[in-house]
Amino acid sequence: MATTKSKRFGWTGLVTAVLLILGMATGYFVWDGSEQGGQGSGQGMDSSSVGNSLEVRFLDVGQADSTLILLPGGKTMLIDAGGNSTADALTEYLEQQGITRIDYLLGTHPHEDHIGGLDRVIDRLDVGALYMPRVDDSQVPTTRTYEDVLTSVEKRGLTIQTGRAGVEIARESGWSAEILAPNSSRYEGLNSYSIAVRLQYGTTSFLFMGDAEQDSEQEMIDRYSLQADVLKCGHHGSSTSSSKAFIQAVDPKYAVISCGKDNSYGHPHRETLNNLSKNQAEVFRTDQQGTVTVISDGSKLRVSAGGPSIR
């Protein structure tokens, strides 16, 4: 993955002469628990029942990553789309929820477990703004997964906007979303190119980290005020992310880790769980609890688990 066979998506060239220039733009079950989470009635809820609240679903897509956000006013955001093996199941799930359009689609970085289902989403749903990070030419992937995404982008006539620190995705009545990383033009590994997004709704806040590792975390610490009520931990809870200093800077009430049951990487790592525990964050894991959902009314959070596994 360190060499490029076509420069199709290196953020400096064209996918083809036809493809637009890339990167040039700066029932699921809810437990009616208290703000501290917990088991409740297990009544079904669809997107129409959320009203003017903000709902974040950390989807259980195995050893992969996908987060669906139902925004106030009816717009939607999808951060990553899981892997190839769950691509069809993910799009079917979205359609079953009555979702026909993703207003803001983000592929945090070009690894299969984050963008494997991106082509299916683009093929089958309407897509508004599409964001991905610009990767150094020497690290442009040559994988079939990556090529499939580019093909779908081309077929649908979409433009990929560069996801980088300082880009404001949206600012609407009551909520805003801003990209806080990546802050550099080159990293040693693809994980640290990950788009990190901070979402604010009223007085509540969320931070989504993709697979950003400690080098990117430190850049964020140096540049931003990072406090967030809910942290989607980077890199499936790996010890290469979620440093002690970063967790202290974010100071989350809740931390969500997306990982697969009995995965071969040992995620989440003990170091990450210890850092979260020392900071008194309540941890939710998709491998143990299925899809995790957080609903905000702009001032309070309701956290629940037990949602479906998307396979």
Protein backbone atom coordinates (compact mmCIF):
# COMPACT_ATOMS: atom_id res chain seq x y z
CA MET A 1 0.00 0.00 0.00
CA ALA A 2 3.03 2.26 0.03
CA THR A 3 3.27 2.55 -3.73
CA THR A 4 0.75 3.73 -6.28
CA LYS A 5 -0.09 1.99 -9.54
CA SER A 6 -2.18 4.77 -11.02
CA LYS A 7 -2.22 7.86 -8.79
CA ARG A 8 -6.01 7.56 -9.07
CA PHE A 9 -6.73 8.98 -5.67
CA GLY A 10 -3.50 10.56 -4.49
CA TRP A 11 -5.14 13.91 -4.07
CA THR A 12 -2.73 15.37 -6.59
CA GLY A 13 -3.95 13.79 -9.79
CA LEU A 14 -7.15 12.78 -11.50
CA VAL A 15 -8.94 9.49 -11.10
CA THR A 16 -9.39 9.53 -14.85
CA ALA A 17 -9.90 12.27 -17.39
CA VAL A 18 -13.59 11.94 -16.63
CA LEU A 19 -13.34 11.98 -12.84
CA LEU A 20 -13.54 15.33 -11.16
CA ILE A 21 -10.44 16.69 -9.48
CA LEU A 22 -10.35 15.18 -6.01
CA GLY A 23 -9.78 17.00 -2.78
CA MET A 24 -9.65 20.53 -4.01
CA ALA A 25 -12.28 21.90 -1.62
CA THR A 26 -10.90 23.46 1.62
CA GLY A 27 -36.36 -2.92 14.44
CA TYR A 28 -33.28 -1.58 16.34
CA PHE A 29 -33.65 -1.61 20.09
CA VAL A 30 -33.25 1.25 22.51
CA TRP A 31 -33.11 0.81 26.23
CA ASP A 32 -34.88 3.71 27.89
CA GLY A 33 -32.14 4.05 30.45
CA SER A 34 -31.27 7.12 32.45
CA GLU A 35 -28.49 9.52 31.51
CA GLN A 36 -26.10 6.97 32.97
CA GLY A 37 -27.27 4.25 30.63
CA GLY A 38 -28.68 0.89 31.61
CA GLN A 39 -31.37 -1.56 30.61
CA GLY A 40 -34.90 -0.39 30.09
CA SER A 41 -38.02 -1.31 28.18
CA GLY A 42 -36.42 -2.42 24.91
CA GLN A 43 -39.04 -0.69 22.78
CA GLY A 44 -38.32 -0.25 19.09
CA MET A 45 -37.46 3.20 17.77
CA ASP A 46 -36.96 4.43 14.23
CA SER A 47 -35.44 7.66 13.01
CA SER A 48 -38.80 9.46 12.93
CA SER A 49 -39.18 9.16 16.70
CA VAL A 50 -36.13 11.24 17.46
CA GLY A 51 -37.76 14.59 16.58
CA ASN A 52 -35.47 17.52 17.16
CA SER A 53 -33.01 15.46 19.13
CA LEU A 54 -29.65 14.30 17.82
CA GLU A 55 -29.08 10.56 17.64
CA VAL A 56 -25.73 8.86 17.18
CA ARG A 57 -25.64 5.14 16.43
CA PHE A 58 -22.27 3.45 16.79
CA LEU A 59 -23.06 0.49 14.57
CA ASP A 60 -21.88 -3.02 15.35
CA VAL A 61 -20.15 -3.96 12.10
CA GLY A 62 -17.64 -6.35 13.63
CA GLN A 63 -13.93 -5.51 13.50
CA ALA A 64 -14.69 -2.41 11.49
CA ASP A 65 -16.19 1.03 11.92
CA SER A 66 -19.39 2.86 10.99
CA THR A 67 -21.33 5.57 12.80
CA LEU A 68 -24.74 6.83 11.72
CA ILE A 69 -25.82 10.26 12.93
CA LEU A 70 -29.41 11.48 12.68
CA LEU A 71 -29.17 15.25 12.90
CA PRO A 72 -31.82 17.70 14.08
CA GLY A 73 -33.97 18.80 11.20
CA GLY A 74 -33.80 15.46 9.41
CA LYS A 75 -30.31 15.48 7.88
CA THR A 76 -27.97 12.51 8.15
CA MET A 77 -24.25 11.90 8.52
CA LEU A 78 -22.38 8.63 8.07
CA ILE A 79 -18.82 8.36 9.34
CA ASP A 80 -17.23 5.31 7.69
CA ALA A 81 -19.15 2.37 6.23
CA GLY A 82 -17.65 -0.77 7.71
CA GLY A 83 -15.84 -3.43 5.70
CA ASN A 84 -16.50 -5.32 2.50
CA SER A 85 -18.19 -8.22 4.26
CA THR A 86 -20.94 -6.06 5.74
CA ALA A 87 -21.39 -3.63 2.82
CA ASP A 88 -24.72 -5.03 1.64
CA ALA A 89 -26.03 -5.51 5.19
CA LEU A 90 -25.18 -1.91 6.04
CA THR A 91 -26.99 -0.41 3.07
CA GLU A 92 -29.96 -2.69 3.69
CA TYR A 93 -30.03 -1.53 7.31
CA LEU A 94 -30.00 2.11 6.26
CA GLU A 95 -32.81 1.54 3.79
CA GLN A 96 -34.83 -0.33 6.42
CA GLN A 97 -34.51 2.72 8.64
CA GLY A 98 -36.09 4.81 5.89
CA ILE A 99 -32.81 6.53 5.05
CA THR A 100 -32.47 7.28 1.34
CA ARG A 101 -29.93 10.11 1.55
CA ILE A 102 -26.69 10.70 3.41
CA ASP A 103 -26.16 14.45 3.57
CA TYR A 104 -22.61 14.20 4.90
CA LEU A 105 -20.56 11.08 4.11
CA LEU A 106 -17.07 10.67 5.55
CA GLY A 107 -14.46 8.03 4.83
CA THR A 108 -12.02 8.73 7.63
CA HIS A 109 -9.06 7.02 5.94
CA PRO A 110 -8.53 4.46 3.16
CA HIS A 111 -8.47 1.19 5.07
CA GLU A 112 -10.90 -1.60 4.14
CA ASP A 113 -12.52 -1.83 7.57
CA HIS A 114 -13.61 1.82 7.26
CA ILE A 115 -14.36 2.28 3.55
CA GLY A 116 -15.27 -1.26 2.51
CA GLY A 117 -18.96 -0.38 2.34
CA LEU A 118 -18.51 3.15 1.04
CA ASP A 119 -19.00 2.19 -2.59
CA ARG A 120 -22.32 0.47 -1.79
CA VAL A 121 -23.57 3.52 0.09
CA ILE A 122 -22.62 5.77 -2.82
CA ASP A 123 -24.19 3.39 -5.35
CA ARG A 124 -27.49 2.90 -3.54
CA LEU A 125 -28.19 6.14 -1.68
CA ASP A 126 -28.19 9.82 -2.55
CA VAL A 127 -25.07 11.48 -1.19
CA GLY A 128 -24.59 15.18 -0.47
CA ALA A 129 -21.08 16.17 0.66
CA LEU A 130 -18.35 13.52 0.60
CA TYR A 131 -15.16 13.94 2.63
CA MET A 132 -11.94 11.92 2.65
CA PRO A 133 -8.40 12.87 3.68
CA ARG A 134 -5.65 13.70 1.22
CA VAL A 135 -2.94 11.03 1.36
CA ASP A 136 0.67 11.53 0.33
CA ASP A 137 1.34 10.18 -3.16
CA SER A 138 3.81 7.58 -1.87
CA GLN A 139 1.11 6.06 0.34
CA VAL A 140 -1.83 5.95 -2.05
CA PRO A 141 -3.48 2.52 -1.71
CA THR A 142 -3.72 0.21 -4.68
CA THR A 143 -6.32 -2.08 -3.14
CA ARG A 144 -9.45 -3.24 -4.93
CA THR A 145 -11.50 -1.75 -2.09
CA TYR A 146 -10.03 1.67 -2.70
CA GLU A 147 -10.48 1.40 -6.45
CA ASP A 148 -14.13 0.39 -5.98
CA VAL A 149 -14.80 3.56 -4.00
CA LEU A 150 -13.27 5.68 -6.74
CA THR A 151 -15.31 3.93 -9.39
CA SER A 152 -18.52 4.63 -7.48
CA VAL A 153 -17.53 8.25 -6.97
CA GLU A 154 -16.95 8.60 -10.70
CA LYS A 155 -20.20 6.90 -11.68
CA ARG A 156 -22.25 9.14 -9.41
CA GLY A 157 -20.43 12.32 -10.44
CA LEU A 158 -19.41 13.20 -6.90
CA THR A 159 -16.55 15.43 -5.81
CA ILE A 160 -14.46 14.34 -2.85
CA GLN A 161 -13.79 17.24 -0.53
CA THR A 162 -10.55 17.20 1.40
CA GLY A 163 -11.07 16.35 5.04
CA ARG A 164 -8.49 18.27 7.03
CA ALA A 165 -8.25 20.21 10.27
CA GLY A 166 -10.18 23.47 10.28
CA VAL A 167 -12.83 22.46 7.76
CA GLU A 168 -16.34 23.17 9.00
CA ILE A 169 -18.68 20.52 7.66
CA ALA A 170 -21.82 22.36 8.71
CA ARG A 171 -23.16 24.93 11.12
CA GLU A 172 -26.90 24.96 11.48
CA SER A 173 -29.40 26.00 14.10
CA GLY A 174 -28.34 24.32 17.33
CA TRP A 175 -25.56 22.10 15.97
CA SER A 176 -22.21 22.21 14.22
CA ALA A 177 -19.61 19.75 12.94
CA GLU A 178 -15.93 20.58 12.46
CA ILE A 179 -12.95 18.52 11.34
CA LEU A 180 -10.07 18.64 13.85
CA ALA A 181 -7.64 16.27 12.11
CA PRO A 182 -5.52 15.51 10.17
CA ASN A 183 -3.30 18.52 10.85
CA SER A 184 -0.26 17.48 8.79
CA SER A 185 0.26 16.70 5.12
CA ARG A 186 2.19 13.48 5.74
CA TYR A 187 2.24 10.73 8.36
CA GLU A 188 4.14 7.47 8.65
CA GLY A 189 0.98 5.37 8.54
CA LEU A 190 -2.45 5.72 6.95
CA ASN A 191 -4.23 5.58 10.31
CA SER A 192 -3.03 9.02 11.33
CA TYR A 193 -4.47 10.60 8.20
CA SER A 194 -7.84 9.84 9.78
CA ILE A 195 -10.47 12.53 9.76
CA ALA A 196 -11.48 13.40 13.33
CA VAL A 197 -14.78 15.22 13.77
CA ARG A 198 -16.16 17.17 16.71
CA LEU A 199 -19.94 17.44 16.74
CA GLN A 200 -21.67 19.96 19.00
CA TYR A 201 -25.40 19.98 19.75
CA GLY A 202 -26.49 22.52 22.31
CA THR A 203 -24.23 21.96 25.30
CA THR A 204 -23.48 18.33 24.40
CA SER A 205 -20.53 17.23 22.30
CA PHE A 206 -19.08 14.21 20.50
CA LEU A 207 -15.61 13.45 19.15
CA PHE A 208 -15.15 10.79 16.45
CA MET A 209 -11.55 9.68 15.91
CA GLY A 210 -11.46 7.17 13.06
CA ASP A 211 -8.14 5.34 13.48
CA ALA A 212 -6.12 8.44 14.40
CA GLU A 213 -3.07 7.48 16.42
CA GLN A 214 -1.07 9.24 19.09
CA ASP A 215 0.90 11.48 16.71
CA SER A 216 -2.35 12.95 15.40
CA GLU A 217 -3.80 13.08 18.91
CA GLN A 218 -0.88 15.20 20.09
CA GLU A 219 -1.38 17.64 17.22
CA MET A 220 -5.00 18.00 18.26
CA ILE A 221 -4.03 18.55 21.90
CA ASP A 222 -1.64 21.30 20.83
CA ARG A 223 -4.20 23.06 18.64
CA TYR A 224 -7.69 22.59 20.06
CA SER A 225 -9.83 22.48 23.14
CA LEU A 226 -10.94 18.88 22.88
CA GLN A 227 -13.49 18.37 25.65
CA ALA A 228 -16.32 16.14 24.57
CA ASP A 229 -19.03 14.26 26.42
CA VAL A 230 -18.79 11.22 24.13
CA LEU A 231 -15.57 9.91 22.61
CA LYS A 232 -15.52 7.40 19.80
CA CYS A 233 -12.09 5.94 20.58
CA GLY A 234 -9.53 5.75 17.82
CA HIS A 235 -8.38 2.54 16.14
CA HIS A 236 -10.83 0.16 17.81
CA GLY A 237 -9.35 0.77 21.25
CA SER A 238 -5.76 0.05 20.23
CA SER A 239 -2.96 1.20 22.52
CA THR A 240 -1.55 3.15 19.56
CA SER A 241 -4.41 5.59 20.17
CA SER A 242 -6.22 6.98 23.22
CA SER A 243 -3.09 8.14 25.04
CA LYS A 244 -3.37 9.20 28.65
CA ALA A 245 -2.82 12.84 27.70
CA PHE A 246 -5.48 12.68 25.00
CA ILE A 247 -8.08 11.09 27.25
CA GLN A 248 -7.39 13.73 29.87
CA ALA A 249 -7.81 16.49 27.28
CA VAL A 250 -11.12 15.09 26.01
CA ASP A 251 -12.37 14.13 29.48
CA PRO A 252 -15.32 12.12 28.15
CA LYS A 253 -18.25 10.95 30.24
CA TYR A 254 -18.75 8.08 27.81
CA ALA A 255 -16.34 6.26 25.51
CA VAL A 256 -17.41 3.96 22.69
CA ILE A 257 -15.12 1.33 21.21
CA SER A 258 -16.01 -0.32 17.90
CA CYS A 259 -14.41 -3.73 17.57
CA GLY A 260 -15.18 -7.34 16.72
CA LYS A 261 -15.74 -10.10 19.24
CA ASP A 262 -12.57 -12.13 19.89
CA ASN A 263 -10.71 -10.20 17.19
CA SER A 264 -7.14 -11.26 16.38
CA TYR A 265 -5.71 -7.84 17.29
CA GLY A 266 -6.74 -8.07 20.93
CA HIS A 267 -8.75 -4.85 20.67
CA PRO A 268 -9.48 -3.07 22.87
CA HIS A 269 -6.07 -3.10 24.50
CA ARG A 270 -5.69 -3.04 28.26
CA GLU A 271 -3.72 0.22 28.14
CA THR A 272 -6.65 2.01 26.52
CA LEU A 273 -9.18 0.60 28.98
CA ASN A 274 -6.93 1.63 31.86
CA ASN A 275 -6.59 5.19 30.53
CA LEU A 276 -10.36 5.47 30.22
CA SER A 277 -10.93 3.96 33.65
CA LYS A 278 -8.48 6.34 35.30
CA ASN A 279 -10.40 9.21 33.75
CA GLN A 280 -13.71 7.73 35.01
CA ALA A 281 -15.21 7.36 31.54
CA GLU A 282 -18.02 4.83 31.16
CA VAL A 283 -17.05 2.45 28.35
CA PHE A 284 -19.39 0.88 25.79
CA ARG A 285 -18.16 -1.77 23.36
CA THR A 286 -19.86 -3.00 20.21
CA ASP A 287 -18.27 -6.44 20.56
CA GLN A 288 -19.99 -6.93 23.90
CA GLN A 289 -23.12 -4.78 23.64
CA GLY A 290 -23.97 -4.54 19.97
CA THR A 291 -24.90 -1.21 18.43
CA VAL A 292 -24.55 1.60 20.94
CA THR A 293 -26.84 4.61 20.69
CA VAL A 294 -26.55 8.06 22.24
CA ILE A 295 -29.44 10.51 22.05
CA SER A 296 -29.00 14.17 22.95
CA ASP A 297 -31.73 16.73 23.51
CA GLY A 298 -29.11 19.46 23.45
CA SER A 299 -28.47 19.42 27.19
CA LYS A 300 -28.72 15.81 28.38
CA LEU A 301 -27.58 12.50 26.99
CA ARG A 302 -29.29 9.13 27.01
CA VAL A 303 -27.00 6.20 26.30
CA SER A 304 -28.30 2.76 25.37
CA ALA A 305 -27.04 -0.49 23.93
CA GLY A 306 -28.27 -3.79 22.56
CA GLY A 307 -28.85 -2.62 19.01
CA PRO A 308 -28.49 -5.02 16.07
CA SER A 309 -25.31 -6.54 14.77
CA ILE A 310 -25.01 -5.66 11.09
CA ARG A 311 -23.67 -8.69 9.27
